Amino acid sequence: MSRLHTHPEDHLIQRIGWLRAAVLGANDGIVSTASLIVGVASSAASSKAVLIAGVSGLVAGAMSMAAGEYVSVSSQSDAEQADLARERKELGEDTASELDELTSIYVKRGLDRDLASQVAKQLTARDALAAHARDELGISEFTTARPVQAALTSAATFAFGAAMPLLMALVAPTGKIPLFVSVTSLGFLALLGAVGAKAGGADAMTATTRVTFWGALAMAVTAGIGALSGVAV
């Protein structure tokens, strides 16, 4: 007698809800705060002014990330709910057409029509809306929008990322804040890129190169602006 063997699986797609917000928040926290600190410090501002700017950037950035993620992901959630409401109405008004539509989807995916029809009928009998949400609309429990989760994750990871260059500014030698913060922040970005790539199953080298390049560019631009101004904040 054959036995059905099962084993637990942890697919990477299950992490997409929080991974995107976490990586974006931490990356933005490091880049924006480090760039702000470097720019202000390059203008010959006092250490106190640099730290005030850094703390202000951390607080404002975390709040902005939370609000931005909540609004944008809420919009996605609203669109998903509208699609589900429309699908629920169509299922109630014309079940036969919806069943044919589901069958056609499975045929396009490679099943012969008889098998596709059987699958569509069984899934419809079990949960018609769930079947259409997953196979017609592309909405699943792993990819569905979660505004609160995205907002909290983004705010927390932004604050964590921003705290790194801010801490480096506190311990940097006098007059060396721009260089010290730039170098260490690029190191943090490289580490973040590698960790994010591993969590998402992507190539670490590509992710690391990408994130450090844009971080270096942002800090170079703000450092140039600060140096050109030459005015203490």
Protein backbone atom coordinates (compact mmCIF):
# COMPACT_ATOMS: atom_id res chain seq x y z
CA MET A 1 0.00 0.00 0.00
CA SER A 2 1.42 3.35 -1.03
CA ARG A 3 1.50 6.15 1.49
CA LEU A 4 1.24 9.84 0.82
CA HIS A 5 4.28 11.62 2.18
CA THR A 6 4.11 15.31 2.89
CA HIS A 7 6.70 17.76 4.11
CA PRO A 8 6.44 21.36 5.27
CA GLU A 9 7.40 23.98 2.70
CA ASP A 10 8.26 27.62 3.27
CA HIS A 11 7.95 29.31 -0.11
CA LEU A 12 9.55 32.72 -0.60
CA ILE A 13 6.32 34.18 -2.01
CA GLN A 14 4.88 33.89 1.51
CA ARG A 15 7.26 36.66 2.59
CA ILE A 16 6.32 39.17 -0.08
CA GLY A 17 3.80 40.98 2.11
CA TRP A 18 6.39 42.19 4.62
CA LEU A 19 9.67 41.72 2.76
CA ARG A 20 9.10 44.51 0.24
CA ALA A 21 8.09 47.00 2.93
CA ALA A 22 10.96 45.96 5.22
CA VAL A 23 13.69 46.25 2.59
CA LEU A 24 12.28 49.52 1.25
CA GLY A 25 11.99 51.02 4.73
CA ALA A 26 15.49 50.08 5.89
CA ASN A 27 17.09 51.11 2.60
CA ASP A 28 15.30 54.47 2.58
CA GLY A 29 16.19 55.03 6.22
CA ILE A 30 19.89 54.54 5.61
CA VAL A 31 20.08 56.46 2.31
CA SER A 32 17.92 59.45 3.19
CA THR A 33 19.29 59.97 6.70
CA ALA A 34 22.91 59.40 5.71
CA SER A 35 22.49 61.77 2.76
CA LEU A 36 20.91 64.39 5.00
CA ILE A 37 23.68 64.11 7.57
CA VAL A 38 26.41 64.19 4.93
CA GLY A 39 24.86 67.18 3.20
CA VAL A 40 24.43 69.21 6.37
CA ALA A 41 27.87 68.27 7.71
CA SER A 42 29.49 69.21 4.40
CA SER A 43 28.11 72.72 4.72
CA ALA A 44 30.34 73.30 7.77
CA ALA A 45 27.42 73.01 10.18
CA SER A 46 28.08 72.31 13.84
CA SER A 47 27.89 68.76 15.20
CA LYS A 48 24.77 69.71 17.15
CA ALA A 49 23.04 70.95 14.00
CA VAL A 50 24.01 67.76 12.15
CA LEU A 51 22.55 65.58 14.90
CA ILE A 52 19.34 67.63 15.08
CA ALA A 53 18.95 67.28 11.31
CA GLY A 54 19.56 63.54 11.57
CA VAL A 55 17.03 62.97 14.35
CA SER A 56 14.47 65.12 12.54
CA GLY A 57 15.05 63.12 9.37
CA LEU A 58 14.56 59.86 11.24
CA VAL A 59 11.26 60.90 12.84
CA ALA A 60 9.84 62.60 9.76
CA GLY A 61 10.96 59.79 7.48
CA ALA A 62 9.44 57.04 9.63
CA MET A 63 6.11 58.86 9.79
CA SER A 64 6.21 59.56 6.07
CA MET A 65 6.97 55.93 5.24
CA ALA A 66 4.13 54.71 7.47
CA ALA A 67 1.63 57.12 5.95
CA GLY A 68 2.79 56.51 2.39
CA GLU A 69 2.70 52.73 2.69
CA TYR A 70 -0.69 52.77 4.41
CA VAL A 71 -2.24 54.99 1.75
CA SER A 72 -0.74 53.16 -1.23
CA VAL A 73 -1.44 49.66 0.08
CA SER A 74 -4.94 50.73 1.15
CA SER A 75 -5.56 51.79 -2.45
CA GLN A 76 -4.47 48.33 -3.58
CA SER A 77 -6.73 46.76 -0.97
CA ASP A 78 -9.67 48.89 -2.11
CA ALA A 79 -9.11 47.78 -5.71
CA GLU A 80 -8.97 44.14 -4.62
CA GLN A 81 -12.17 44.45 -2.62
CA ALA A 82 -13.93 46.16 -5.54
CA ASP A 83 -12.89 43.34 -7.87
CA LEU A 84 -14.07 40.73 -5.37
CA ALA A 85 -17.41 42.51 -4.96
CA ARG A 86 -17.91 42.60 -8.72
CA GLU A 87 -16.94 38.93 -9.01
CA ARG A 88 -19.34 38.01 -6.19
CA LYS A 89 -22.15 39.81 -8.02
CA GLU A 90 -21.36 38.09 -11.33
CA LEU A 91 -21.32 34.70 -9.63
CA GLY A 92 -24.76 35.38 -8.20
CA GLU A 93 -26.21 36.58 -11.49
CA ASP A 94 -24.70 34.17 -14.03
CA THR A 95 -23.13 31.09 -12.50
CA ALA A 96 -22.94 29.21 -15.80
CA SER A 97 -20.92 31.90 -17.57
CA GLU A 98 -18.56 32.19 -14.62
CA LEU A 99 -18.05 28.43 -14.65
CA ASP A 100 -17.24 28.56 -18.37
CA GLU A 101 -14.81 31.40 -17.71
CA LEU A 102 -13.02 29.39 -15.03
CA THR A 103 -12.89 26.36 -17.32
CA SER A 104 -11.32 28.44 -20.09
CA ILE A 105 -8.65 29.67 -17.69
CA TYR A 106 -7.63 26.10 -16.89
CA VAL A 107 -7.66 25.13 -20.57
CA LYS A 108 -5.25 27.99 -21.32
CA ARG A 109 -3.00 26.68 -18.57
CA GLY A 110 -2.69 23.30 -20.26
CA LEU A 111 -5.58 21.10 -19.12
CA ASP A 112 -7.83 19.41 -21.66
CA ARG A 113 -11.37 20.77 -21.65
CA ASP A 114 -13.00 17.79 -19.91
CA LEU A 115 -10.50 17.84 -17.04
CA ALA A 116 -10.62 21.64 -16.88
CA SER A 117 -14.40 21.46 -16.61
CA GLN A 118 -14.20 18.92 -13.78
CA VAL A 119 -11.66 21.03 -11.89
CA ALA A 120 -13.73 24.19 -12.36
CA LYS A 121 -16.90 22.45 -11.12
CA GLN A 122 -15.20 21.02 -8.04
CA LEU A 123 -13.52 24.29 -7.09
CA THR A 124 -16.74 26.21 -7.70
CA ALA A 125 -18.65 23.81 -5.47
CA ARG A 126 -16.09 24.23 -2.73
CA ASP A 127 -15.62 28.03 -2.87
CA ALA A 128 -16.46 29.77 -6.13
CA LEU A 129 -15.29 33.22 -5.09
CA ALA A 130 -11.94 31.94 -3.82
CA ALA A 131 -11.37 30.07 -7.08
CA HIS A 132 -12.07 33.14 -9.21
CA ALA A 133 -10.07 35.40 -6.89
CA ARG A 134 -7.02 33.18 -7.17
CA ASP A 135 -7.18 32.03 -10.79
CA GLU A 136 -8.93 34.93 -12.53
CA LEU A 137 -7.91 37.97 -10.47
CA GLY A 138 -4.57 36.75 -9.11
CA ILE A 139 -5.52 37.49 -5.50
CA SER A 140 -4.26 35.02 -2.89
CA GLU A 141 -3.64 34.96 0.83
CA PHE A 142 0.07 35.53 0.21
CA THR A 143 -0.20 38.55 -2.08
CA THR A 144 -3.30 40.27 -0.73
CA ALA A 145 -2.78 43.86 0.43
CA ARG A 146 -2.29 44.42 4.18
CA PRO A 147 -2.10 48.19 4.80
CA VAL A 148 -1.44 48.13 8.56
CA GLN A 149 1.29 45.50 8.26
CA ALA A 150 2.99 47.45 5.46
CA ALA A 151 2.79 50.74 7.37
CA LEU A 152 4.17 49.39 10.64
CA THR A 153 6.90 47.40 8.91
CA SER A 154 8.03 50.38 6.84
CA ALA A 155 8.08 52.76 9.80
CA ALA A 156 9.98 50.36 12.05
CA THR A 157 12.56 49.39 9.45
CA PHE A 158 13.04 53.00 8.34
CA ALA A 159 13.76 54.02 11.93
CA PHE A 160 16.17 51.10 12.30
CA GLY A 161 17.96 51.98 9.08
CA ALA A 162 18.10 55.69 9.90
CA ALA A 163 19.52 54.99 13.35
CA MET A 164 22.67 53.50 11.80
CA PRO A 165 24.09 56.64 10.13
CA LEU A 166 22.84 58.73 13.04
CA LEU A 167 24.84 56.58 15.46
CA MET A 168 27.89 56.84 13.20
CA ALA A 169 27.55 60.63 13.25
CA LEU A 170 27.61 60.53 17.04
CA VAL A 171 30.86 58.56 17.21
CA ALA A 172 32.61 60.07 14.16
CA PRO A 173 35.85 62.03 14.78
CA THR A 174 35.48 65.81 14.68
CA GLY A 175 35.49 67.09 11.12
CA LYS A 176 35.21 63.58 9.66
CA ILE A 177 31.43 63.14 9.82
CA PRO A 178 30.79 63.20 6.02
CA LEU A 179 33.48 60.62 5.25
CA PHE A 180 32.77 58.42 8.27
CA VAL A 181 29.02 58.36 7.74
CA SER A 182 29.35 57.78 3.98
CA VAL A 183 31.71 54.83 4.27
CA THR A 184 29.84 53.09 7.09
CA SER A 185 26.45 53.71 5.49
CA LEU A 186 27.61 52.12 2.24
CA GLY A 187 28.69 49.13 4.31
CA PHE A 188 25.25 48.99 5.93
CA LEU A 189 23.59 49.21 2.51
CA ALA A 190 25.73 46.38 1.15
CA LEU A 191 24.79 44.23 4.14
CA LEU A 192 21.13 45.11 3.71
CA GLY A 193 21.26 44.23 0.04
CA ALA A 194 22.79 40.84 0.81
CA VAL A 195 20.28 40.07 3.58
CA GLY A 196 17.32 41.16 1.46
CA ALA A 197 18.55 39.06 -1.45
CA LYS A 198 18.92 35.99 0.75
CA ALA A 199 15.45 36.45 2.25
CA GLY A 200 13.94 36.84 -1.20
CA GLY A 201 16.00 34.16 -2.91
CA ALA A 202 17.69 36.65 -5.27
CA ASP A 203 21.31 37.04 -6.38
CA ALA A 204 23.24 38.72 -3.55
CA MET A 205 25.85 40.38 -5.74
CA THR A 206 23.28 42.04 -7.97
CA ALA A 207 21.21 43.30 -5.04
CA THR A 208 24.28 44.56 -3.17
CA THR A 209 25.68 46.39 -6.18
CA ARG A 210 22.35 48.00 -6.95
CA VAL A 211 21.67 49.32 -3.47
CA THR A 212 25.20 50.60 -2.82
CA PHE A 213 25.38 52.38 -6.18
CA TRP A 214 22.23 54.40 -5.59
CA GLY A 215 23.18 55.08 -1.99
CA ALA A 216 26.61 56.37 -3.03
CA LEU A 217 25.06 58.56 -5.70
CA ALA A 218 22.56 60.10 -3.25
CA MET A 219 25.26 60.87 -0.68
CA ALA A 220 27.61 62.29 -3.31
CA VAL A 221 24.95 64.67 -4.60
CA THR A 222 23.97 65.95 -1.15
CA ALA A 223 27.61 66.27 -0.12
CA GLY A 224 28.23 68.38 -3.21
CA ILE A 225 25.27 70.62 -2.47
CA GLY A 226 26.37 71.07 1.14
CA ALA A 227 29.97 71.84 0.15
CA LEU A 228 28.86 74.38 -2.44
CA SER A 229 26.60 76.20 -0.02
CA GLY A 230 29.31 76.50 2.62
CA VAL A 231 26.75 77.93 5.03
CA ALA A 232 26.32 76.60 8.54
CA VAL A 233 22.79 75.42 9.26
